[in-house]
Amino acid sequence: LPAHKPAPAPGFSNANYAPGNQVPYGYPQHAPGTYQGVAGAESYGFQVQAMGVPAGLAVPPIQNQPIVKEGTIWMPVPPPLPNCPPGLEYLTQIDQILIHQQIELLEILTGFETNNKYEIKNTLGQRVYFAAEDTECCTRNCCGPSRPFTLRIIDNLGHEVITLQRPLRCSSCCFPCCLQELEVQAPPGTPVGYVVQNWHACLPKFTIQDEKRMDILKIIGPCVVCSCCEDIHFEVKSVDETCTVGRISKQWSGILKEAFTDADNFGITFPMDLDVKMKAVMIGACFLIDFMFFEHAGDNQQRTGVWQ
């Protein structure tokens, strides 16, 4: 009799990703945090492995060429897909993302907090999205990293495809009834998932939920969210926390950048066949983690854990 196969975990289309199973054969076998790509990815702190073509094997021509706009190379526009929110088709083709926060000279020179801006790229260095914070001046400078915000993510056609909304909540685990939360909308106005902080005595923990508030994944960070000269990893796990399915990594950017700016580099890995909506929610989780733990770099207000 054929062996009984468990039902696939929520959010996955492949039964091999049921909780407790490791990455199945045929999927990328590199460990989360080790990024494969081409020249240029090293500047983001990712490891690169050369990928050659066997002799005699013909390489098919590229159908969709990258788009170049104002000196920036954008990822080719994929065709529309059924049951996929418009603009998220890009995410069906990748299992790794690089997020690079732009350095704001005004912040460095004056300490005046400006709206954050981010480039979201694939491992080829092609821009997938551009993200910009939309928050009032008084809110940014009075509430600091705990501020409520709206983050708008646009594609290479200039369309807003994802909107992230964070309400004003408490930033300390002393108040477990009012912890952090982030709503992810795709397209804007249509919720597709949530990132909810979970109370824990010493670990940063979050739950990724779908639009129906059903738990899909867990995110678990280190006890001390502060380090020097090394990366900081937040593991993405199944709901029962028995299987690691991805990772959100804060990359070490160098002593000068870490000390004098709050511009951070992140990397995200997730299964290729993860529900595209959950991939968008994982991107939202990365931004929430950035605001909670890394928005103040190199000063006395840097948070080192869930209590401070």
Protein backbone atom coordinates (compact mmCIF):
# COMPACT_ATOMS: atom_id res chain seq x y z
CA LEU A 1 0.00 0.00 0.00
CA PRO A 2 1.29 3.48 -0.78
CA ALA A 3 2.47 5.45 2.21
CA HIS A 4 0.03 8.03 3.51
CA LYS A 5 1.13 11.59 2.77
CA PRO A 6 0.11 14.36 5.16
CA ALA A 7 -1.92 17.27 3.88
CA PRO A 8 0.15 20.31 2.86
CA ALA A 9 0.68 22.99 5.45
CA PRO A 10 -1.52 26.10 5.14
CA GLY A 11 -0.17 28.48 2.54
CA PHE A 12 1.79 25.83 0.62
CA SER A 13 0.86 24.11 -2.62
CA ASN A 14 3.35 21.27 -2.16
CA ALA A 15 2.60 18.46 0.27
CA ASN A 16 6.31 18.04 0.93
CA TYR A 17 6.22 21.25 2.94
CA ALA A 18 3.95 19.76 5.63
CA PRO A 19 5.12 20.70 9.15
CA GLY A 20 8.07 18.61 10.24
CA ASN A 21 9.38 17.95 6.74
CA GLN A 22 12.57 19.44 5.39
CA VAL A 23 12.95 21.09 2.01
CA PRO A 24 12.06 18.39 -0.56
CA TYR A 25 14.38 17.19 -3.27
CA GLY A 26 14.26 19.42 -6.31
CA TYR A 27 13.93 22.68 -4.37
CA PRO A 28 16.86 24.98 -3.51
CA GLN A 29 18.97 23.11 -1.00
CA HIS A 30 21.17 25.99 0.16
CA ALA A 31 20.74 27.03 3.76
CA PRO A 32 18.65 30.14 4.45
CA GLY A 33 20.95 33.14 4.42
CA THR A 34 23.21 31.76 1.68
CA TYR A 35 22.15 33.58 -1.44
CA GLN A 36 22.88 32.43 -4.97
CA GLY A 37 23.16 35.03 -7.68
CA VAL A 38 25.61 36.94 -9.82
CA ALA A 39 28.16 39.69 -9.39
CA GLY A 40 26.75 42.62 -7.48
CA ALA A 41 24.99 40.65 -4.76
CA GLU A 42 28.14 40.75 -2.60
CA SER A 43 27.51 44.42 -1.87
CA TYR A 44 24.43 43.35 0.09
CA GLY A 45 26.37 40.91 2.25
CA PHE A 46 25.14 37.76 0.56
CA GLN A 47 27.25 34.79 -0.45
CA VAL A 48 27.35 34.11 -4.16
CA GLN A 49 27.91 30.78 -5.86
CA ALA A 50 29.01 30.55 -9.47
CA MET A 51 26.51 28.69 -11.65
CA GLY A 52 28.02 27.42 -14.89
CA VAL A 53 26.35 25.90 -17.95
CA PRO A 54 27.43 22.36 -18.94
CA ALA A 55 29.34 22.12 -22.21
CA GLY A 56 27.15 21.49 -25.21
CA LEU A 57 23.97 22.65 -23.47
CA ALA A 58 22.20 25.37 -25.42
CA VAL A 59 20.85 28.26 -23.38
CA PRO A 60 17.43 29.47 -24.58
CA PRO A 61 17.14 33.18 -25.34
CA ILE A 62 15.61 35.43 -22.71
CA GLN A 63 12.07 36.35 -23.70
CA ASN A 64 11.53 39.22 -21.28
CA GLN A 65 14.50 41.56 -21.08
CA PRO A 66 15.11 43.61 -17.92
CA ILE A 67 13.74 47.15 -18.08
CA VAL A 68 16.16 50.03 -17.59
CA LYS A 69 14.69 53.25 -16.15
CA GLU A 70 16.88 56.20 -15.17
CA GLY A 71 19.89 53.97 -14.73
CA THR A 72 18.02 51.37 -12.62
CA ILE A 73 17.57 47.83 -13.91
CA TRP A 74 14.08 46.52 -13.17
CA MET A 75 13.00 42.90 -13.18
CA PRO A 76 11.08 41.95 -16.38
CA VAL A 77 7.30 42.29 -16.15
CA PRO A 78 5.77 38.80 -15.77
CA PRO A 79 2.45 37.91 -17.41
CA PRO A 80 -0.76 38.15 -15.35
CA LEU A 81 -1.70 35.01 -13.43
CA PRO A 82 -5.13 33.79 -12.32
CA ASN A 83 -5.94 34.13 -8.63
CA CYS A 84 -2.89 36.35 -8.12
CA PRO A 85 -3.28 39.95 -6.93
CA PRO A 86 -2.08 42.31 -9.68
CA GLY A 87 1.59 43.19 -9.25
CA LEU A 88 2.46 40.14 -7.14
CA GLU A 89 3.30 38.02 -10.20
CA TYR A 90 6.94 38.98 -9.64
CA LEU A 91 6.97 37.04 -6.38
CA THR A 92 5.94 33.77 -8.05
CA GLN A 93 9.34 33.66 -9.80
CA ILE A 94 11.68 34.18 -6.84
CA ASP A 95 12.49 32.57 -3.50
CA GLN A 96 14.97 35.20 -2.28
CA ILE A 97 14.68 38.97 -1.89
CA LEU A 98 17.16 41.69 -0.99
CA ILE A 99 15.89 44.85 0.72
CA HIS A 100 18.18 47.87 0.77
CA GLN A 101 17.25 51.01 2.68
CA GLN A 102 18.42 54.23 1.05
CA ILE A 103 20.70 56.54 3.00
CA GLU A 104 19.17 59.95 3.74
CA LEU A 105 21.80 62.71 4.01
CA LEU A 106 19.39 64.99 5.88
CA GLU A 107 19.16 62.45 8.71
CA ILE A 108 22.94 62.10 8.91
CA LEU A 109 23.61 65.86 8.97
CA THR A 110 20.73 67.06 11.16
CA GLY A 111 19.25 64.02 12.90
CA PHE A 112 15.88 65.02 11.44
CA GLU A 113 13.87 61.86 10.76
CA THR A 114 12.73 61.54 7.14
CA ASN A 115 10.44 59.08 5.40
CA ASN A 116 12.21 55.77 4.83
CA LYS A 117 12.75 54.53 1.28
CA TYR A 118 13.76 51.03 0.21
CA GLU A 119 14.78 49.16 -2.92
CA ILE A 120 13.50 45.58 -3.15
CA LYS A 121 15.67 43.50 -5.49
CA ASN A 122 16.15 39.94 -6.66
CA THR A 123 19.51 38.19 -6.41
CA LEU A 124 20.44 39.37 -9.91
CA GLY A 125 20.38 42.94 -8.62
CA GLN A 126 17.24 43.79 -10.60
CA ARG A 127 14.75 46.01 -8.79
CA VAL A 128 11.46 44.22 -8.14
CA TYR A 129 9.72 46.97 -6.17
CA PHE A 130 10.37 50.34 -4.62
CA ALA A 131 8.95 51.09 -1.17
CA ALA A 132 8.38 54.51 0.37
CA GLU A 133 7.05 55.47 3.78
CA ASP A 134 4.14 57.90 3.86
CA THR A 135 4.09 59.43 7.35
CA GLU A 136 3.59 62.99 8.58
CA CYS A 137 6.60 64.94 9.79
CA CYS A 138 5.36 65.37 13.37
CA THR A 139 4.54 61.67 13.69
CA ARG A 140 8.00 60.64 12.49
CA ASN A 141 9.93 62.91 14.82
CA CYS A 142 7.68 62.63 17.90
CA CYS A 143 7.02 58.88 17.89
CA GLY A 144 10.37 57.75 16.46
CA PRO A 145 10.63 54.06 15.53
CA SER A 146 7.36 53.30 17.36
CA ARG A 147 5.44 55.52 14.96
CA PRO A 148 2.39 54.33 13.03
CA PHE A 149 3.08 54.35 9.31
CA THR A 150 1.82 53.59 5.85
CA LEU A 151 4.39 52.05 3.52
CA ARG A 152 3.57 52.04 -0.19
CA ILE A 153 5.24 49.48 -2.48
CA ILE A 154 5.18 50.18 -6.23
CA ASP A 155 6.21 48.08 -9.22
CA ASN A 156 8.20 49.10 -12.29
CA LEU A 157 5.04 50.38 -13.98
CA GLY A 158 4.52 52.89 -11.18
CA HIS A 159 1.49 51.05 -9.76
CA GLU A 160 1.05 50.73 -6.02
CA VAL A 161 0.72 46.96 -5.60
CA ILE A 162 1.19 46.50 -1.83
CA THR A 163 0.27 48.78 1.07
CA LEU A 164 1.54 48.17 4.60
CA GLN A 165 -0.28 49.82 7.50
CA ARG A 166 1.01 49.82 11.06
CA PRO A 167 -1.23 51.31 13.77
CA LEU A 168 0.16 52.98 16.88
CA ARG A 169 0.82 50.26 19.42
CA CYS A 170 2.99 49.75 22.48
CA SER A 171 6.63 48.83 21.78
CA SER A 172 7.28 46.99 25.04
CA CYS A 173 6.28 43.51 26.19
CA CYS A 174 5.21 45.08 29.49
CA PHE A 175 1.84 45.59 27.79
CA PRO A 176 0.92 42.21 26.23
CA CYS A 177 -2.58 43.38 25.30
CA CYS A 178 -1.31 46.06 22.92
CA LEU A 179 1.59 44.57 20.98
CA GLN A 180 2.70 45.37 17.45
CA GLU A 181 0.63 44.52 14.38
CA LEU A 182 0.92 45.15 10.65
CA GLU A 183 -1.75 44.84 7.96
CA VAL A 184 -0.71 43.91 4.41
CA GLN A 185 -2.98 44.93 1.54
CA ALA A 186 -2.61 43.75 -2.07
CA PRO A 187 -3.92 45.55 -3.99
CA PRO A 188 -4.34 48.61 -1.72
CA GLY A 189 -7.57 48.36 0.25
CA THR A 190 -7.74 44.56 0.09
CA PRO A 191 -6.16 42.85 3.16
CA VAL A 192 -4.27 39.66 2.32
CA GLY A 193 -2.58 39.04 5.65
CA TYR A 194 -1.30 40.29 8.98
CA VAL A 195 1.88 40.24 11.05
CA VAL A 196 1.07 39.99 14.77
CA GLN A 197 3.61 40.22 17.57
CA ASN A 198 3.30 37.45 20.19
CA TRP A 199 4.12 37.98 23.83
CA HIS A 200 7.26 36.16 24.99
CA ALA A 201 9.47 36.70 28.00
CA CYS A 202 12.73 37.03 26.05
CA LEU A 203 12.32 36.24 22.33
CA PRO A 204 10.93 38.41 19.52
CA LYS A 205 8.06 36.27 18.15
CA PHE A 206 5.53 37.02 15.45
CA THR A 207 2.71 35.18 13.70
CA ILE A 208 1.97 35.51 10.00
CA GLN A 209 -1.77 35.29 9.37
CA ASP A 210 -3.86 35.18 6.20
CA GLU A 211 -6.75 37.49 5.39
CA LYS A 212 -9.07 35.37 7.57
CA ARG A 213 -6.76 35.72 10.58
CA MET A 214 -5.71 32.07 10.32
CA ASP A 215 -2.16 31.37 11.55
CA ILE A 216 0.12 30.35 8.66
CA LEU A 217 3.72 30.79 9.83
CA LYS A 218 5.76 31.84 12.87
CA ILE A 219 8.78 34.14 13.06
CA ILE A 220 11.26 33.72 15.93
CA GLY A 221 14.18 36.08 16.51
CA PRO A 222 17.22 35.89 18.79
CA CYS A 223 17.11 36.79 22.47
CA VAL A 224 19.54 39.67 21.94
CA VAL A 225 18.74 41.62 18.76
CA CYS A 226 22.07 43.39 18.72
CA SER A 227 25.42 42.29 17.37
CA CYS A 228 28.65 43.56 15.94
CA CYS A 229 30.22 42.38 12.69
CA GLU A 230 27.68 39.62 12.10
CA ASP A 231 24.21 39.07 10.69
CA ILE A 232 21.06 38.78 12.79
CA HIS A 233 18.61 36.07 11.77
CA PHE A 234 14.86 35.76 12.36
CA GLU A 235 13.80 32.20 11.55
CA VAL A 236 10.51 31.61 9.71
CA LYS A 237 8.92 28.39 10.92
CA SER A 238 5.80 26.31 10.53
CA VAL A 239 2.94 27.05 12.91
CA ASP A 240 4.02 24.27 15.28
CA GLU A 241 7.61 25.63 15.14
CA THR A 242 9.07 22.23 14.17
CA CYS A 243 10.18 23.08 10.62
CA THR A 244 12.21 26.04 9.36
CA VAL A 245 10.88 27.20 5.99
CA GLY A 246 12.63 30.54 5.54
CA ARG A 247 14.57 33.36 7.13
CA ILE A 248 14.60 37.14 7.50
CA SER A 249 18.18 38.34 7.97
CA LYS A 250 19.49 41.73 9.00
CA GLN A 251 22.82 41.97 7.19
CA TRP A 252 25.90 43.57 8.77
CA SER A 253 26.62 46.68 6.66
CA GLY A 254 29.98 47.79 8.02
CA ILE A 255 31.02 49.78 11.06
CA LEU A 256 30.59 53.26 9.55
CA LYS A 257 27.14 52.64 8.10
CA GLU A 258 25.93 50.87 11.24
CA ALA A 259 27.24 53.60 13.54
CA PHE A 260 26.12 56.74 11.70
CA THR A 261 22.98 55.75 9.77
CA ASP A 262 19.83 53.70 10.24
CA ALA A 263 19.90 52.47 6.63
CA ASP A 264 19.77 48.68 6.78
CA ASN A 265 20.13 45.75 4.42
CA PHE A 266 17.88 42.71 4.75
CA GLY A 267 17.55 39.39 3.00
CA ILE A 268 14.44 37.19 2.89
CA THR A 269 14.20 33.54 1.83
CA PHE A 270 10.98 31.59 1.43
CA PRO A 271 9.84 28.45 -0.46
CA MET A 272 9.27 29.01 -4.15
CA ASP A 273 5.76 27.55 -3.95
CA LEU A 274 4.66 29.53 -0.89
CA ASP A 275 1.36 31.34 -1.46
CA VAL A 276 2.26 34.63 -3.14
CA LYS A 277 0.12 36.52 -0.63
CA MET A 278 2.16 35.07 2.24
CA LYS A 279 5.35 36.14 0.47
CA ALA A 280 3.98 39.69 0.49
CA VAL A 281 3.19 39.37 4.21
CA MET A 282 6.76 38.19 4.87
CA ILE A 283 8.02 41.35 3.18
CA GLY A 284 5.76 43.31 5.51
CA ALA A 285 7.18 41.40 8.49
CA CYS A 286 10.68 42.44 7.45
CA PHE A 287 9.72 46.12 7.48
CA LEU A 288 8.05 45.78 10.89
CA ILE A 289 11.19 44.13 12.29
CA ASP A 290 13.31 46.93 10.84
CA PHE A 291 11.23 49.63 12.54
CA MET A 292 11.04 47.77 15.85
CA PHE A 293 14.68 46.82 16.30
CA PHE A 294 16.94 48.62 13.81
CA GLU A 295 15.51 52.07 13.10
CA HIS A 296 17.92 53.66 15.61
CA ALA A 297 21.44 52.55 14.74
CA GLY A 298 24.48 53.27 16.83
CA ASP A 299 22.77 55.35 19.51
CA ASN A 300 21.47 54.77 23.02
CA GLN A 301 17.91 54.20 21.85
CA GLN A 302 18.75 51.05 19.87
CA ARG A 303 16.50 48.21 21.01
CA THR A 304 18.30 45.02 21.96
CA GLY A 305 15.31 42.81 22.71
CA VAL A 306 11.60 42.66 23.45
CA TRP A 307 11.91 44.63 26.70
CA GLN A 308 14.17 47.48 25.53
